[in-house]
Amino acid sequence: MTKFKLYYDKDKEIEWLNEMAAEGYAMTSFFAGFYTFEPCEKGEWQYQVDIGNGFFSVNKDYAAFMEEMGIEIVTSWGPWVILRRKAQEGEFALYSDVDSRIAQYKKILLMFKIVTAIELLGLIYEIYAGVKGTNAAWPFVLIIGAFVCVFFNMIARTKDTIAMLQEQKGETPDGVSNKKISMILPTGLLFNSVNLLAGDRLPVPIRYLLLGCAVGMIIYGSVLTLRQQNKMQG
């Protein structure tokens, strides 16, 4: 069985993988948002997601340590590593104390910042290409812009998680972020990119319908974003 999902929040991904295992489906591989499952005994496995020490791979020391702990490396994708262990061996928690969890989320925050910086550079390049007359660049401006919005949200959520953990320790949090963007906004950008990429291959009424939906979502998402930020600042 194959399911398609895009997760930018590792905690939600872990929760979903464990829910699938509880229903009798063990995740066995991942590629570009496609998760492959095979039947297993209900609740046979517990899953965790970690930040590895490589990109699309883990080094021998990491693999050996996980093997010693009875943990199976299912797959790695980018910096993420999906792990599992038999549920009968007890609760599967990689980072049980607050300090190690804060350290892990700070690694995740750094990764999101690096990816966002790379995307912003790509966005600037595509805007420059579009201004110079390359019309094919504009759909990619919208696509990259949508992903920048998503990663801004992930940075904000990760900062909030770190602040929450710091409060649990009795420390003064570094601060929470009010720079969250309504997901309606990047959805509108993607709708408009589809409209531009399709071009004349779509009937005119459908193109106008897509354009209307895209503009409406962009405006509504922008309004919701401003309202949310003003509410948090107030």
Protein backbone atom coordinates (compact mmCIF):
# COMPACT_ATOMS: atom_id res chain seq x y z
CA MET A 1 0.00 0.00 0.00
CA THR A 2 1.26 3.47 -0.91
CA LYS A 3 0.09 6.76 0.55
CA PHE A 4 1.10 10.29 -0.44
CA LYS A 5 1.59 12.90 2.27
CA LEU A 6 3.84 15.91 2.72
CA TYR A 7 4.98 16.54 6.28
CA TYR A 8 7.09 19.46 7.45
CA ASP A 9 6.42 18.72 11.12
CA LYS A 10 8.27 15.64 12.32
CA ASP A 11 6.03 15.23 15.39
CA LYS A 12 2.91 14.97 13.23
CA GLU A 13 4.72 12.56 10.91
CA ILE A 14 5.73 10.34 13.84
CA GLU A 15 2.16 10.39 15.16
CA TRP A 16 0.77 9.36 11.78
CA LEU A 17 3.31 6.55 11.23
CA ASN A 18 2.54 5.12 14.67
CA GLU A 19 -1.19 5.36 14.00
CA MET A 20 -0.68 3.39 10.77
CA ALA A 21 1.37 0.78 12.66
CA ALA A 22 -1.37 0.51 15.29
CA GLU A 23 -3.82 -0.24 12.46
CA GLY A 24 -1.54 -3.00 11.13
CA TYR A 25 0.50 -1.19 8.45
CA ALA A 26 4.27 -0.89 8.80
CA MET A 27 6.02 1.84 6.83
CA THR A 28 8.90 0.33 4.81
CA SER A 29 10.08 3.02 2.38
CA PHE A 30 9.69 6.67 1.40
CA PHE A 31 10.30 8.66 -1.75
CA ALA A 32 9.30 12.29 -2.44
CA GLY A 33 6.15 12.19 -0.30
CA PHE A 34 5.17 8.60 -1.15
CA TYR A 35 5.10 6.26 1.86
CA THR A 36 5.04 2.51 1.25
CA PHE A 37 3.42 0.22 3.83
CA GLU A 38 3.18 -3.52 4.27
CA PRO A 39 0.85 -5.49 6.57
CA CYS A 40 2.09 -6.19 10.09
CA GLU A 41 0.62 -7.15 13.44
CA LYS A 42 -1.32 -4.28 14.93
CA GLY A 43 0.99 -2.22 17.10
CA GLU A 44 4.04 -4.30 16.19
CA TRP A 45 6.27 -1.29 15.47
CA GLN A 46 6.95 2.13 16.91
CA TYR A 47 8.44 4.85 14.70
CA GLN A 48 10.62 7.89 15.27
CA VAL A 49 12.10 10.55 12.98
CA ASP A 50 15.58 11.92 13.58
CA ILE A 51 17.96 14.43 12.03
CA GLY A 52 20.88 12.42 10.69
CA ASN A 53 24.51 13.38 10.23
CA GLY A 54 24.45 13.11 6.45
CA PHE A 55 22.27 13.95 3.46
CA PHE A 56 20.25 11.05 2.05
CA SER A 57 22.53 8.73 4.05
CA VAL A 58 23.88 8.07 7.54
CA ASN A 59 27.45 7.30 8.49
CA LYS A 60 28.64 3.97 9.89
CA ASP A 61 28.88 5.20 13.47
CA TYR A 62 25.26 6.36 13.48
CA ALA A 63 24.09 3.09 11.90
CA ALA A 64 26.13 1.00 14.35
CA PHE A 65 24.77 2.92 17.35
CA MET A 66 21.18 2.41 16.21
CA GLU A 67 21.82 -1.30 15.65
CA GLU A 68 23.20 -1.63 19.18
CA MET A 69 20.02 0.00 20.50
CA GLY A 70 17.87 -2.47 18.57
CA ILE A 71 16.65 0.28 16.26
CA GLU A 72 16.15 -0.29 12.54
CA ILE A 73 16.91 2.47 10.04
CA VAL A 74 13.98 2.29 7.63
CA THR A 75 15.13 5.00 5.24
CA SER A 76 16.76 8.40 5.00
CA TRP A 77 15.53 11.33 2.93
CA GLY A 78 17.52 14.53 2.89
CA PRO A 79 18.62 15.10 6.49
CA TRP A 80 15.65 13.13 7.90
CA VAL A 81 16.06 9.54 9.08
CA ILE A 82 13.01 7.36 9.73
CA LEU A 83 13.57 4.74 12.42
CA ARG A 84 11.53 1.97 13.97
CA ARG A 85 11.74 -0.53 16.81
CA LYS A 86 9.59 -3.40 17.99
CA ALA A 87 6.90 -2.09 20.31
CA GLN A 88 7.40 -5.03 22.69
CA GLU A 89 10.76 -3.54 23.67
CA GLY A 90 9.02 -0.64 25.39
CA GLU A 91 8.51 3.03 24.69
CA PHE A 92 10.59 4.26 21.76
CA ALA A 93 11.89 7.77 22.52
CA LEU A 94 15.11 9.11 21.06
CA TYR A 95 15.23 12.29 23.12
CA SER A 96 13.54 11.83 26.48
CA ASP A 97 15.09 14.71 28.46
CA VAL A 98 14.32 18.36 27.80
CA ASP A 99 17.92 19.41 27.06
CA SER A 100 18.37 16.84 24.28
CA ARG A 101 14.98 17.73 22.79
CA ILE A 102 15.91 21.42 22.73
CA ALA A 103 19.21 20.54 21.04
CA GLN A 104 17.39 18.45 18.43
CA TYR A 105 14.88 21.18 17.65
CA LYS A 106 17.69 23.73 17.34
CA LYS A 107 19.27 21.46 14.69
CA ILE A 108 15.91 21.32 12.92
CA LEU A 109 15.58 25.11 13.15
CA LEU A 110 19.02 25.59 11.59
CA MET A 111 18.13 23.19 8.77
CA PHE A 112 14.88 25.06 8.04
CA LYS A 113 16.75 28.37 7.99
CA ILE A 114 19.35 27.04 5.54
CA VAL A 115 16.68 25.61 3.22
CA THR A 116 14.70 28.87 3.37
CA ALA A 117 17.82 30.89 2.52
CA ILE A 118 18.47 28.65 -0.51
CA GLU A 119 14.85 29.01 -1.63
CA LEU A 120 15.02 32.80 -1.28
CA LEU A 121 18.11 32.85 -3.50
CA GLY A 122 16.24 30.73 -6.05
CA LEU A 123 13.25 33.06 -5.80
CA ILE A 124 15.42 36.12 -6.47
CA TYR A 125 17.00 34.39 -9.47
CA GLU A 126 13.62 33.45 -10.97
CA ILE A 127 12.26 36.98 -10.44
CA TYR A 128 15.35 38.38 -12.15
CA ALA A 129 14.87 35.94 -15.06
CA GLY A 130 11.21 36.93 -15.35
CA VAL A 131 12.01 40.64 -15.34
CA LYS A 132 14.62 40.03 -18.07
CA GLY A 133 11.93 38.55 -20.28
CA THR A 134 11.88 34.81 -19.48
CA ASN A 135 8.13 34.29 -19.10
CA ALA A 136 8.62 30.64 -18.13
CA ALA A 137 10.23 31.86 -14.88
CA TRP A 138 7.02 33.32 -13.41
CA PRO A 139 5.32 29.98 -12.58
CA PHE A 140 8.46 28.98 -10.70
CA VAL A 141 8.42 32.31 -8.84
CA LEU A 142 4.98 31.34 -7.53
CA ILE A 143 5.99 27.76 -6.70
CA ILE A 144 9.14 28.78 -4.84
CA GLY A 145 7.21 31.57 -3.11
CA ALA A 146 4.70 29.01 -1.85
CA PHE A 147 7.48 26.84 -0.41
CA VAL A 148 9.10 29.89 1.21
CA CYS A 149 5.79 30.55 3.00
CA VAL A 150 5.65 26.96 4.21
CA PHE A 151 9.20 27.04 5.55
CA PHE A 152 8.61 30.40 7.26
CA ASN A 153 5.79 28.65 9.12
CA MET A 154 8.01 25.71 10.03
CA ILE A 155 10.66 28.09 11.39
CA ALA A 156 7.99 29.83 13.49
CA ARG A 157 6.56 26.55 14.81
CA THR A 158 10.01 25.21 15.67
CA LYS A 159 10.83 28.40 17.55
CA ASP A 160 7.58 28.04 19.49
CA THR A 161 8.45 24.42 20.37
CA ILE A 162 11.89 25.45 21.62
CA ALA A 163 10.33 28.24 23.70
CA MET A 164 7.84 25.77 25.22
CA LEU A 165 10.62 23.36 26.17
CA GLN A 166 12.68 26.20 27.65
CA GLU A 167 9.70 27.18 29.79
CA GLN A 168 9.46 23.57 31.01
CA LYS A 169 13.05 23.89 32.22
CA GLY A 170 12.21 27.10 34.02
CA GLU A 171 14.28 29.17 31.61
CA THR A 172 13.28 32.40 29.95
CA PRO A 173 12.30 31.40 26.38
CA ASP A 174 14.15 32.92 23.46
CA GLY A 175 10.76 34.15 22.30
CA VAL A 176 7.83 32.92 20.24
CA SER A 177 7.24 33.86 16.63
CA ASN A 178 4.20 35.73 15.38
CA LYS A 179 5.30 35.47 11.75
CA LYS A 180 2.97 32.64 10.82
CA ILE A 181 1.46 32.67 7.35
CA SER A 182 -2.00 31.36 6.54
CA MET A 183 -1.66 28.24 4.39
CA ILE A 184 -4.39 29.62 2.13
CA LEU A 185 -1.83 32.08 0.75
CA PRO A 186 0.73 29.53 -0.59
CA THR A 187 -2.16 27.38 -1.85
CA GLY A 188 -3.31 30.34 -3.93
CA LEU A 189 0.22 30.80 -5.28
CA LEU A 190 0.31 27.14 -6.34
CA PHE A 191 -3.10 27.42 -8.03
CA ASN A 192 -1.84 30.39 -10.03
CA SER A 193 1.35 28.53 -10.99
CA VAL A 194 -0.74 25.65 -12.35
CA ASN A 195 -2.74 28.15 -14.38
CA LEU A 196 0.45 29.67 -15.85
CA LEU A 197 2.09 26.31 -16.56
CA ALA A 198 -1.01 24.92 -18.27
CA GLY A 199 -1.36 27.98 -20.51
CA ASP A 200 -3.42 27.44 -23.63
CA ARG A 201 -3.76 23.73 -22.92
CA LEU A 202 -6.72 24.55 -20.66
CA PRO A 203 -10.04 25.91 -21.91
CA VAL A 204 -10.42 29.64 -21.30
CA PRO A 205 -13.30 29.28 -18.77
CA ILE A 206 -11.22 26.89 -16.65
CA ARG A 207 -8.21 29.22 -16.80
CA TYR A 208 -10.34 32.13 -15.59
CA LEU A 209 -11.82 29.92 -12.86
CA LEU A 210 -8.35 28.91 -11.67
CA LEU A 211 -7.17 32.50 -11.79
CA GLY A 212 -10.18 33.69 -9.81
CA CYS A 213 -9.68 30.99 -7.17
CA ALA A 214 -5.96 31.76 -6.97
CA VAL A 215 -6.41 35.52 -6.57
CA GLY A 216 -9.18 35.02 -4.03
CA MET A 217 -7.04 32.66 -1.93
CA ILE A 218 -4.00 34.95 -2.12
CA ILE A 219 -6.03 37.95 -0.94
CA TYR A 220 -7.92 36.02 1.75
CA GLY A 221 -4.74 34.29 2.96
CA SER A 222 -2.94 37.65 3.16
CA VAL A 223 -5.78 39.15 5.20
CA LEU A 224 -5.81 36.17 7.60
CA THR A 225 -2.03 36.40 7.98
CA LEU A 226 -2.16 40.11 8.84
CA ARG A 227 -5.03 39.56 11.28
CA GLN A 228 -3.18 36.76 13.04
CA GLN A 229 0.03 38.76 13.35
CA ASN A 230 -1.83 41.84 14.63
CA LYS A 231 -3.70 39.69 17.15
CA MET A 232 -0.46 38.17 18.49
CA GLN A 233 1.25 41.55 18.64
CA GLY A 234 -1.71 43.01 20.48
